[in-house]
Amino acid sequence: MIKESSPGAGQPKTQTADFAVVRATGVHKAYGDAGVLTGLNLEVPRGETITIFGPNGAGKTTLLRVLGSLTRPDRGEIAINGFSLKEQAAFARSTIGVVMHSSLLYGDLTARENLRFYGKLFGLGDAEDRIETLARRLNVAHRLDDKVRDLSHGLGKRVSFVRALLHRPRLLLLDEPESGLDQN
């Protein structure tokens, strides 16, 4: 799922006011001889939410990994919130929140330590307040001082949502966001 969120304070400005949240042109990605994304063109206008369906192996996760700059495409051009992933990758990344199957958290650190680390990566001055606010909203505040490896998959996923939202991204990339998520 790709979802645009409202711009956050301190986010870098794009070069033009009129841009698509996601613009991918001629994107190719292969693993060995297996082409996963072949000539993909995608444009997601601001304010739109899209869901991508397809069978296992169709390239949904690969697409989100490429858009989230977790994997580089073999060919093609991608702009996120008006920033080229080739030429302005740091700015593009600062506008993206990503929740994947893997939590992108360090198991030997506590949830709070992980979130502080990501807060520093994004240069957040209000990280502590933001961590507490989001953790309460996502019902993980009571487990912030537990090591990530000791959390259930569902609680770890909730912490991943806190991580993804921490820097107030303009774009959320969610790969099967409800899988393994416990009800609370």
C-alpha atoms as a PDB file:
ATOM      1  CA  MET A   1       0.000   0.000   0.000  1.00  0.00           C
ATOM      2  CA  ILE A   2       1.242   3.497  -0.764  1.00  0.00           C
ATOM      3  CA  LYS A   3      -0.267   6.307   1.221  1.00  0.00           C
ATOM      4  CA  GLU A   4       0.529  10.001   1.274  1.00  0.00           C
ATOM      5  CA  SER A   5       0.655  11.610   4.692  1.00  0.00           C
ATOM      6  CA  SER A   6       0.666  15.298   5.471  1.00  0.00           C
ATOM      7  CA  PRO A   7       3.989  17.149   5.209  1.00  0.00           C
ATOM      8  CA  GLY A   8       5.922  17.467   8.422  1.00  0.00           C
ATOM      9  CA  ALA A   9       7.702  20.432   9.898  1.00  0.00           C
ATOM     10  CA  GLY A  10      11.301  20.707   8.788  1.00  0.00           C
ATOM     11  CA  GLN A  11      10.800  18.625   5.665  1.00  0.00           C
ATOM     12  CA  PRO A  12      12.910  19.805   2.718  1.00  0.00           C
ATOM     13  CA  LYS A  13      11.095  21.665  -0.010  1.00  0.00           C
ATOM     14  CA  THR A  14      10.821  20.155  -3.457  1.00  0.00           C
ATOM     15  CA  GLN A  15      12.001  22.095  -6.457  1.00  0.00           C
ATOM     16  CA  THR A  16       8.500  22.527  -7.871  1.00  0.00           C
ATOM     17  CA  ALA A  17       5.128  22.873  -6.217  1.00  0.00           C
ATOM     18  CA  ASP A  18       3.467  20.602  -8.784  1.00  0.00           C
ATOM     19  CA  PHE A  19       4.749  17.057  -8.368  1.00  0.00           C
ATOM     20  CA  ALA A  20       3.540  13.519  -8.044  1.00  0.00           C
ATOM     21  CA  VAL A  21       4.190  11.822  -4.712  1.00  0.00           C
ATOM     22  CA  VAL A  22       5.624   8.891  -6.686  1.00  0.00           C
ATOM     23  CA  ARG A  23       6.834   9.030 -10.272  1.00  0.00           C
ATOM     24  CA  ALA A  24       8.586   5.973 -11.696  1.00  0.00           C
ATOM     25  CA  THR A  25       9.562   5.768 -15.353  1.00  0.00           C
ATOM     26  CA  GLY A  26      11.003   2.729 -17.116  1.00  0.00           C
ATOM     27  CA  VAL A  27      11.982   0.986 -13.893  1.00  0.00           C
ATOM     28  CA  HIS A  28      13.665  -2.399 -14.221  1.00  0.00           C
ATOM     29  CA  LYS A  29      14.799  -4.686 -11.390  1.00  0.00           C
ATOM     30  CA  ALA A  30      16.035  -8.246 -11.801  1.00  0.00           C
ATOM     31  CA  TYR A  31      17.440 -10.838  -9.440  1.00  0.00           C
ATOM     32  CA  GLY A  32      19.854 -12.870 -11.514  1.00  0.00           C
ATOM     33  CA  ASP A  33      18.105 -13.722 -14.767  1.00  0.00           C
ATOM     34  CA  ALA A  34      14.646 -13.241 -13.281  1.00  0.00           C
ATOM     35  CA  GLY A  35      13.161  -9.867 -14.232  1.00  0.00           C
ATOM     36  CA  VAL A  36      10.833  -8.752 -11.450  1.00  0.00           C
ATOM     37  CA  LEU A  37      10.067  -5.205 -12.545  1.00  0.00           C
ATOM     38  CA  THR A  38      10.313  -4.707 -16.292  1.00  0.00           C
ATOM     39  CA  GLY A  39       9.658  -1.267 -17.700  1.00  0.00           C
ATOM     40  CA  LEU A  40       7.439  -0.174 -14.824  1.00  0.00           C
ATOM     41  CA  ASN A  41       5.783   3.231 -15.135  1.00  0.00           C
ATOM     42  CA  LEU A  42       3.846   4.535 -12.150  1.00  0.00           C
ATOM     43  CA  GLU A  43       2.563   7.923 -11.100  1.00  0.00           C
ATOM     44  CA  VAL A  44       0.746   8.558  -7.840  1.00  0.00           C
ATOM     45  CA  PRO A  45      -0.642  12.090  -7.546  1.00  0.00           C
ATOM     46  CA  ARG A  46      -0.661  13.920  -4.236  1.00  0.00           C
ATOM     47  CA  GLY A  47      -3.626  13.013  -2.087  1.00  0.00           C
ATOM     48  CA  GLU A  48      -4.045   9.528  -3.573  1.00  0.00           C
ATOM     49  CA  THR A  49      -3.878   6.214  -1.776  1.00  0.00           C
ATOM     50  CA  ILE A  50      -3.234   3.122  -3.852  1.00  0.00           C
ATOM     51  CA  THR A  51      -3.133  -0.575  -3.089  1.00  0.00           C
ATOM     52  CA  ILE A  52      -1.170  -3.003  -5.213  1.00  0.00           C
ATOM     53  CA  PHE A  53      -2.507  -6.534  -5.579  1.00  0.00           C
ATOM     54  CA  GLY A  54      -0.864  -9.519  -7.184  1.00  0.00           C
ATOM     55  CA  PRO A  55       0.187 -13.117  -6.626  1.00  0.00           C
ATOM     56  CA  ASN A  56       3.284 -14.117  -4.674  1.00  0.00           C
ATOM     57  CA  GLY A  57       6.384 -13.325  -6.684  1.00  0.00           C
ATOM     58  CA  ALA A  58       4.714 -10.630  -8.775  1.00  0.00           C
ATOM     59  CA  GLY A  59       7.107  -7.922  -7.530  1.00  0.00           C
ATOM     60  CA  LYS A  60       4.971  -6.033  -5.002  1.00  0.00           C
ATOM     61  CA  THR A  61       7.594  -6.104  -2.248  1.00  0.00           C
ATOM     62  CA  THR A  62      10.383  -5.392  -4.734  1.00  0.00           C
ATOM     63  CA  LEU A  63       8.474  -2.338  -5.950  1.00  0.00           C
ATOM     64  CA  LEU A  64       8.081  -1.026  -2.387  1.00  0.00           C
ATOM     65  CA  ARG A  65      11.749  -1.733  -1.620  1.00  0.00           C
ATOM     66  CA  VAL A  66      12.793   0.214  -4.728  1.00  0.00           C
ATOM     67  CA  LEU A  67      10.439   3.123  -3.982  1.00  0.00           C
ATOM     68  CA  GLY A  68      11.603   3.186  -0.355  1.00  0.00           C
ATOM     69  CA  SER A  69      15.251   3.254  -1.532  1.00  0.00           C
ATOM     70  CA  LEU A  70      16.008  -0.008   0.266  1.00  0.00           C
ATOM     71  CA  THR A  71      17.002  -1.520  -3.118  1.00  0.00           C
ATOM     72  CA  ARG A  72      18.261   0.236  -6.224  1.00  0.00           C
ATOM     73  CA  PRO A  73      16.611  -0.365  -9.578  1.00  0.00           C
ATOM     74  CA  ASP A  74      18.775  -1.697 -12.390  1.00  0.00           C
ATOM     75  CA  ARG A  75      17.399   0.960 -14.759  1.00  0.00           C
ATOM     76  CA  GLY A  76      14.839   3.712 -14.771  1.00  0.00           C
ATOM     77  CA  GLU A  77      14.074   6.952 -12.999  1.00  0.00           C
ATOM     78  CA  ILE A  78      12.227   7.412  -9.719  1.00  0.00           C
ATOM     79  CA  ALA A  79      11.186  10.620  -8.000  1.00  0.00           C
ATOM     80  CA  ILE A  80       9.617  10.649  -4.552  1.00  0.00           C
ATOM     81  CA  ASN A  81       7.895  13.862  -3.482  1.00  0.00           C
ATOM     82  CA  GLY A  82       9.711  15.646  -6.308  1.00  0.00           C
ATOM     83  CA  PHE A  83      13.185  14.371  -5.339  1.00  0.00           C
ATOM     84  CA  SER A  84      15.179  12.104  -7.642  1.00  0.00           C
ATOM     85  CA  LEU A  85      16.258   8.897  -5.904  1.00  0.00           C
ATOM     86  CA  LYS A  86      19.487   9.058  -7.942  1.00  0.00           C
ATOM     87  CA  GLU A  87      20.422  12.681  -7.360  1.00  0.00           C
ATOM     88  CA  GLN A  88      18.617  13.637  -4.148  1.00  0.00           C
ATOM     89  CA  ALA A  89      18.327  10.337  -2.298  1.00  0.00           C
ATOM     90  CA  ALA A  90      18.756  11.782   1.205  1.00  0.00           C
ATOM     91  CA  PHE A  91      15.999  14.343   0.649  1.00  0.00           C
ATOM     92  CA  ALA A  92      13.724  11.705  -0.889  1.00  0.00           C
ATOM     93  CA  ARG A  93      14.317   9.321   2.049  1.00  0.00           C
ATOM     94  CA  SER A  94      13.519  12.063   4.542  1.00  0.00           C
ATOM     95  CA  THR A  95       9.976  12.189   3.136  1.00  0.00           C
ATOM     96  CA  ILE A  96       9.293   8.426   3.219  1.00  0.00           C
ATOM     97  CA  GLY A  97       8.077   6.153   6.009  1.00  0.00           C
ATOM     98  CA  VAL A  98       8.405   2.422   5.361  1.00  0.00           C
ATOM     99  CA  VAL A  99       6.877  -0.631   7.067  1.00  0.00           C
ATOM    100  CA  MET A 100       8.036  -3.914   5.544  1.00  0.00           C
ATOM    101  CA  HIS A 101       7.880  -7.568   6.595  1.00  0.00           C
ATOM    102  CA  SER A 102      11.199  -7.052   8.387  1.00  0.00           C
ATOM    103  CA  SER A 103      10.907  -4.501  11.197  1.00  0.00           C
ATOM    104  CA  LEU A 104      14.106  -2.639  10.240  1.00  0.00           C
ATOM    105  CA  LEU A 105      14.809  -2.520  14.003  1.00  0.00           C
ATOM    106  CA  TYR A 106      17.839  -3.771  15.922  1.00  0.00           C
ATOM    107  CA  GLY A 107      16.916  -6.755  18.109  1.00  0.00           C
ATOM    108  CA  ASP A 108      19.573  -6.130  20.770  1.00  0.00           C
ATOM    109  CA  LEU A 109      18.345  -2.580  21.387  1.00  0.00           C
ATOM    110  CA  THR A 110      15.192  -1.619  23.229  1.00  0.00           C
ATOM    111  CA  ALA A 111      12.302  -0.216  21.245  1.00  0.00           C
ATOM    112  CA  ARG A 112      13.061   3.219  22.720  1.00  0.00           C
ATOM    113  CA  GLU A 113      16.773   2.989  21.784  1.00  0.00           C
ATOM    114  CA  ASN A 114      15.822   2.048  18.226  1.00  0.00           C
ATOM    115  CA  LEU A 115      13.400   4.944  17.966  1.00  0.00           C
ATOM    116  CA  ARG A 116      15.928   7.416  19.410  1.00  0.00           C
ATOM    117  CA  PHE A 117      18.451   6.176  16.854  1.00  0.00           C
ATOM    118  CA  TYR A 118      16.014   6.765  13.986  1.00  0.00           C
ATOM    119  CA  GLY A 119      15.094  10.138  15.477  1.00  0.00           C
ATOM    120  CA  LYS A 120      18.776  11.130  15.311  1.00  0.00           C
ATOM    121  CA  LEU A 121      19.050   9.859  11.739  1.00  0.00           C
ATOM    122  CA  PHE A 122      16.238  12.203  10.768  1.00  0.00           C
ATOM    123  CA  GLY A 123      17.529  15.098  12.876  1.00  0.00           C
ATOM    124  CA  LEU A 124      14.447  15.293  15.074  1.00  0.00           C
ATOM    125  CA  GLY A 125      14.671  17.759  17.921  1.00  0.00           C
ATOM    126  CA  ASP A 126      11.432  16.531  19.488  1.00  0.00           C
ATOM    127  CA  ALA A 127      12.167  12.811  19.255  1.00  0.00           C
ATOM    128  CA  GLU A 128      11.331  11.937  22.885  1.00  0.00           C
ATOM    129  CA  ASP A 129       7.936  13.626  22.814  1.00  0.00           C
ATOM    130  CA  ARG A 130       7.184  12.227  19.370  1.00  0.00           C
ATOM    131  CA  ILE A 131       8.182   8.687  20.455  1.00  0.00           C
ATOM    132  CA  GLU A 132       5.928   8.850  23.511  1.00  0.00           C
ATOM    133  CA  THR A 133       2.983  10.282  21.571  1.00  0.00           C
ATOM    134  CA  LEU A 134       3.149   7.715  18.773  1.00  0.00           C
ATOM    135  CA  ALA A 135       3.844   4.821  21.157  1.00  0.00           C
ATOM    136  CA  ARG A 136       0.725   5.682  23.158  1.00  0.00           C
ATOM    137  CA  ARG A 137      -1.371   5.953  19.971  1.00  0.00           C
ATOM    138  CA  LEU A 138      -0.115   2.590  18.744  1.00  0.00           C
ATOM    139  CA  ASN A 139      -0.405   0.972  22.180  1.00  0.00           C
ATOM    140  CA  VAL A 140       3.272   0.096  22.663  1.00  0.00           C
ATOM    141  CA  ALA A 141       4.287   2.721  25.237  1.00  0.00           C
ATOM    142  CA  HIS A 142       4.315   0.081  27.973  1.00  0.00           C
ATOM    143  CA  ARG A 143       6.964  -1.931  26.037  1.00  0.00           C
ATOM    144  CA  LEU A 144       9.345   0.825  24.923  1.00  0.00           C
ATOM    145  CA  ASP A 145      12.055  -0.314  27.343  1.00  0.00           C
ATOM    146  CA  ASP A 146      11.941  -3.961  26.218  1.00  0.00           C
ATOM    147  CA  LYS A 147      14.501  -5.289  23.767  1.00  0.00           C
ATOM    148  CA  VAL A 148      12.989  -5.639  20.305  1.00  0.00           C
ATOM    149  CA  ARG A 149      13.967  -9.327  20.155  1.00  0.00           C
ATOM    150  CA  ASP A 150      11.727  -9.937  23.202  1.00  0.00           C
ATOM    151  CA  LEU A 151       8.634  -8.417  21.582  1.00  0.00           C
ATOM    152  CA  SER A 152       6.019 -10.485  19.809  1.00  0.00           C
ATOM    153  CA  HIS A 153       5.866 -10.063  16.041  1.00  0.00           C
ATOM    154  CA  GLY A 154       2.733  -7.938  16.414  1.00  0.00           C
ATOM    155  CA  LEU A 155       4.289  -5.592  18.986  1.00  0.00           C
ATOM    156  CA  GLY A 156       7.445  -5.346  16.881  1.00  0.00           C
ATOM    157  CA  LYS A 157       5.298  -4.346  13.926  1.00  0.00           C
ATOM    158  CA  ARG A 158       3.648  -1.630  16.025  1.00  0.00           C
ATOM    159  CA  VAL A 159       7.104  -0.292  16.918  1.00  0.00           C
ATOM    160  CA  SER A 160       7.899  -0.370  13.183  1.00  0.00           C
ATOM    161  CA  PHE A 161       4.885   1.857  12.595  1.00  0.00           C
ATOM    162  CA  VAL A 162       6.186   4.273  15.240  1.00  0.00           C
ATOM    163  CA  ARG A 163       9.579   4.226  13.468  1.00  0.00           C
ATOM    164  CA  ALA A 164       7.963   4.865  10.087  1.00  0.00           C
ATOM    165  CA  LEU A 165       5.866   7.782  11.367  1.00  0.00           C
ATOM    166  CA  LEU A 166       8.461   9.321  13.666  1.00  0.00           C
ATOM    167  CA  HIS A 167       9.785  11.910  11.205  1.00  0.00           C
ATOM    168  CA  ARG A 168       6.345  12.898   9.868  1.00  0.00           C
ATOM    169  CA  PRO A 169       6.802  11.472   6.366  1.00  0.00           C
ATOM    170  CA  ARG A 170       4.820  12.708   3.388  1.00  0.00           C
ATOM    171  CA  LEU A 171       4.624   9.186   1.959  1.00  0.00           C
ATOM    172  CA  LEU A 172       4.016   5.862   3.690  1.00  0.00           C
ATOM    173  CA  LEU A 173       4.994   2.637   1.954  1.00  0.00           C
ATOM    174  CA  LEU A 174       3.326  -0.303   3.667  1.00  0.00           C
ATOM    175  CA  ASP A 175       4.032  -3.914   2.711  1.00  0.00           C
ATOM    176  CA  GLU A 176       1.208  -6.089   4.063  1.00  0.00           C
ATOM    177  CA  PRO A 177       0.826  -3.774   7.063  1.00  0.00           C
ATOM    178  CA  GLU A 178      -1.746  -5.917   8.874  1.00  0.00           C
ATOM    179  CA  SER A 179       0.029  -9.277   8.576  1.00  0.00           C
ATOM    180  CA  GLY A 180       0.987 -10.500  12.032  1.00  0.00           C
ATOM    181  CA  LEU A 181      -0.483  -7.424  13.684  1.00  0.00           C
ATOM    182  CA  ASP A 182      -2.335  -8.337  16.849  1.00  0.00           C
ATOM    183  CA  GLN A 183      -5.601  -6.628  17.699  1.00  0.00           C
ATOM    184  CA  ASN A 184      -5.537  -4.151  20.556  1.00  0.00           C
END
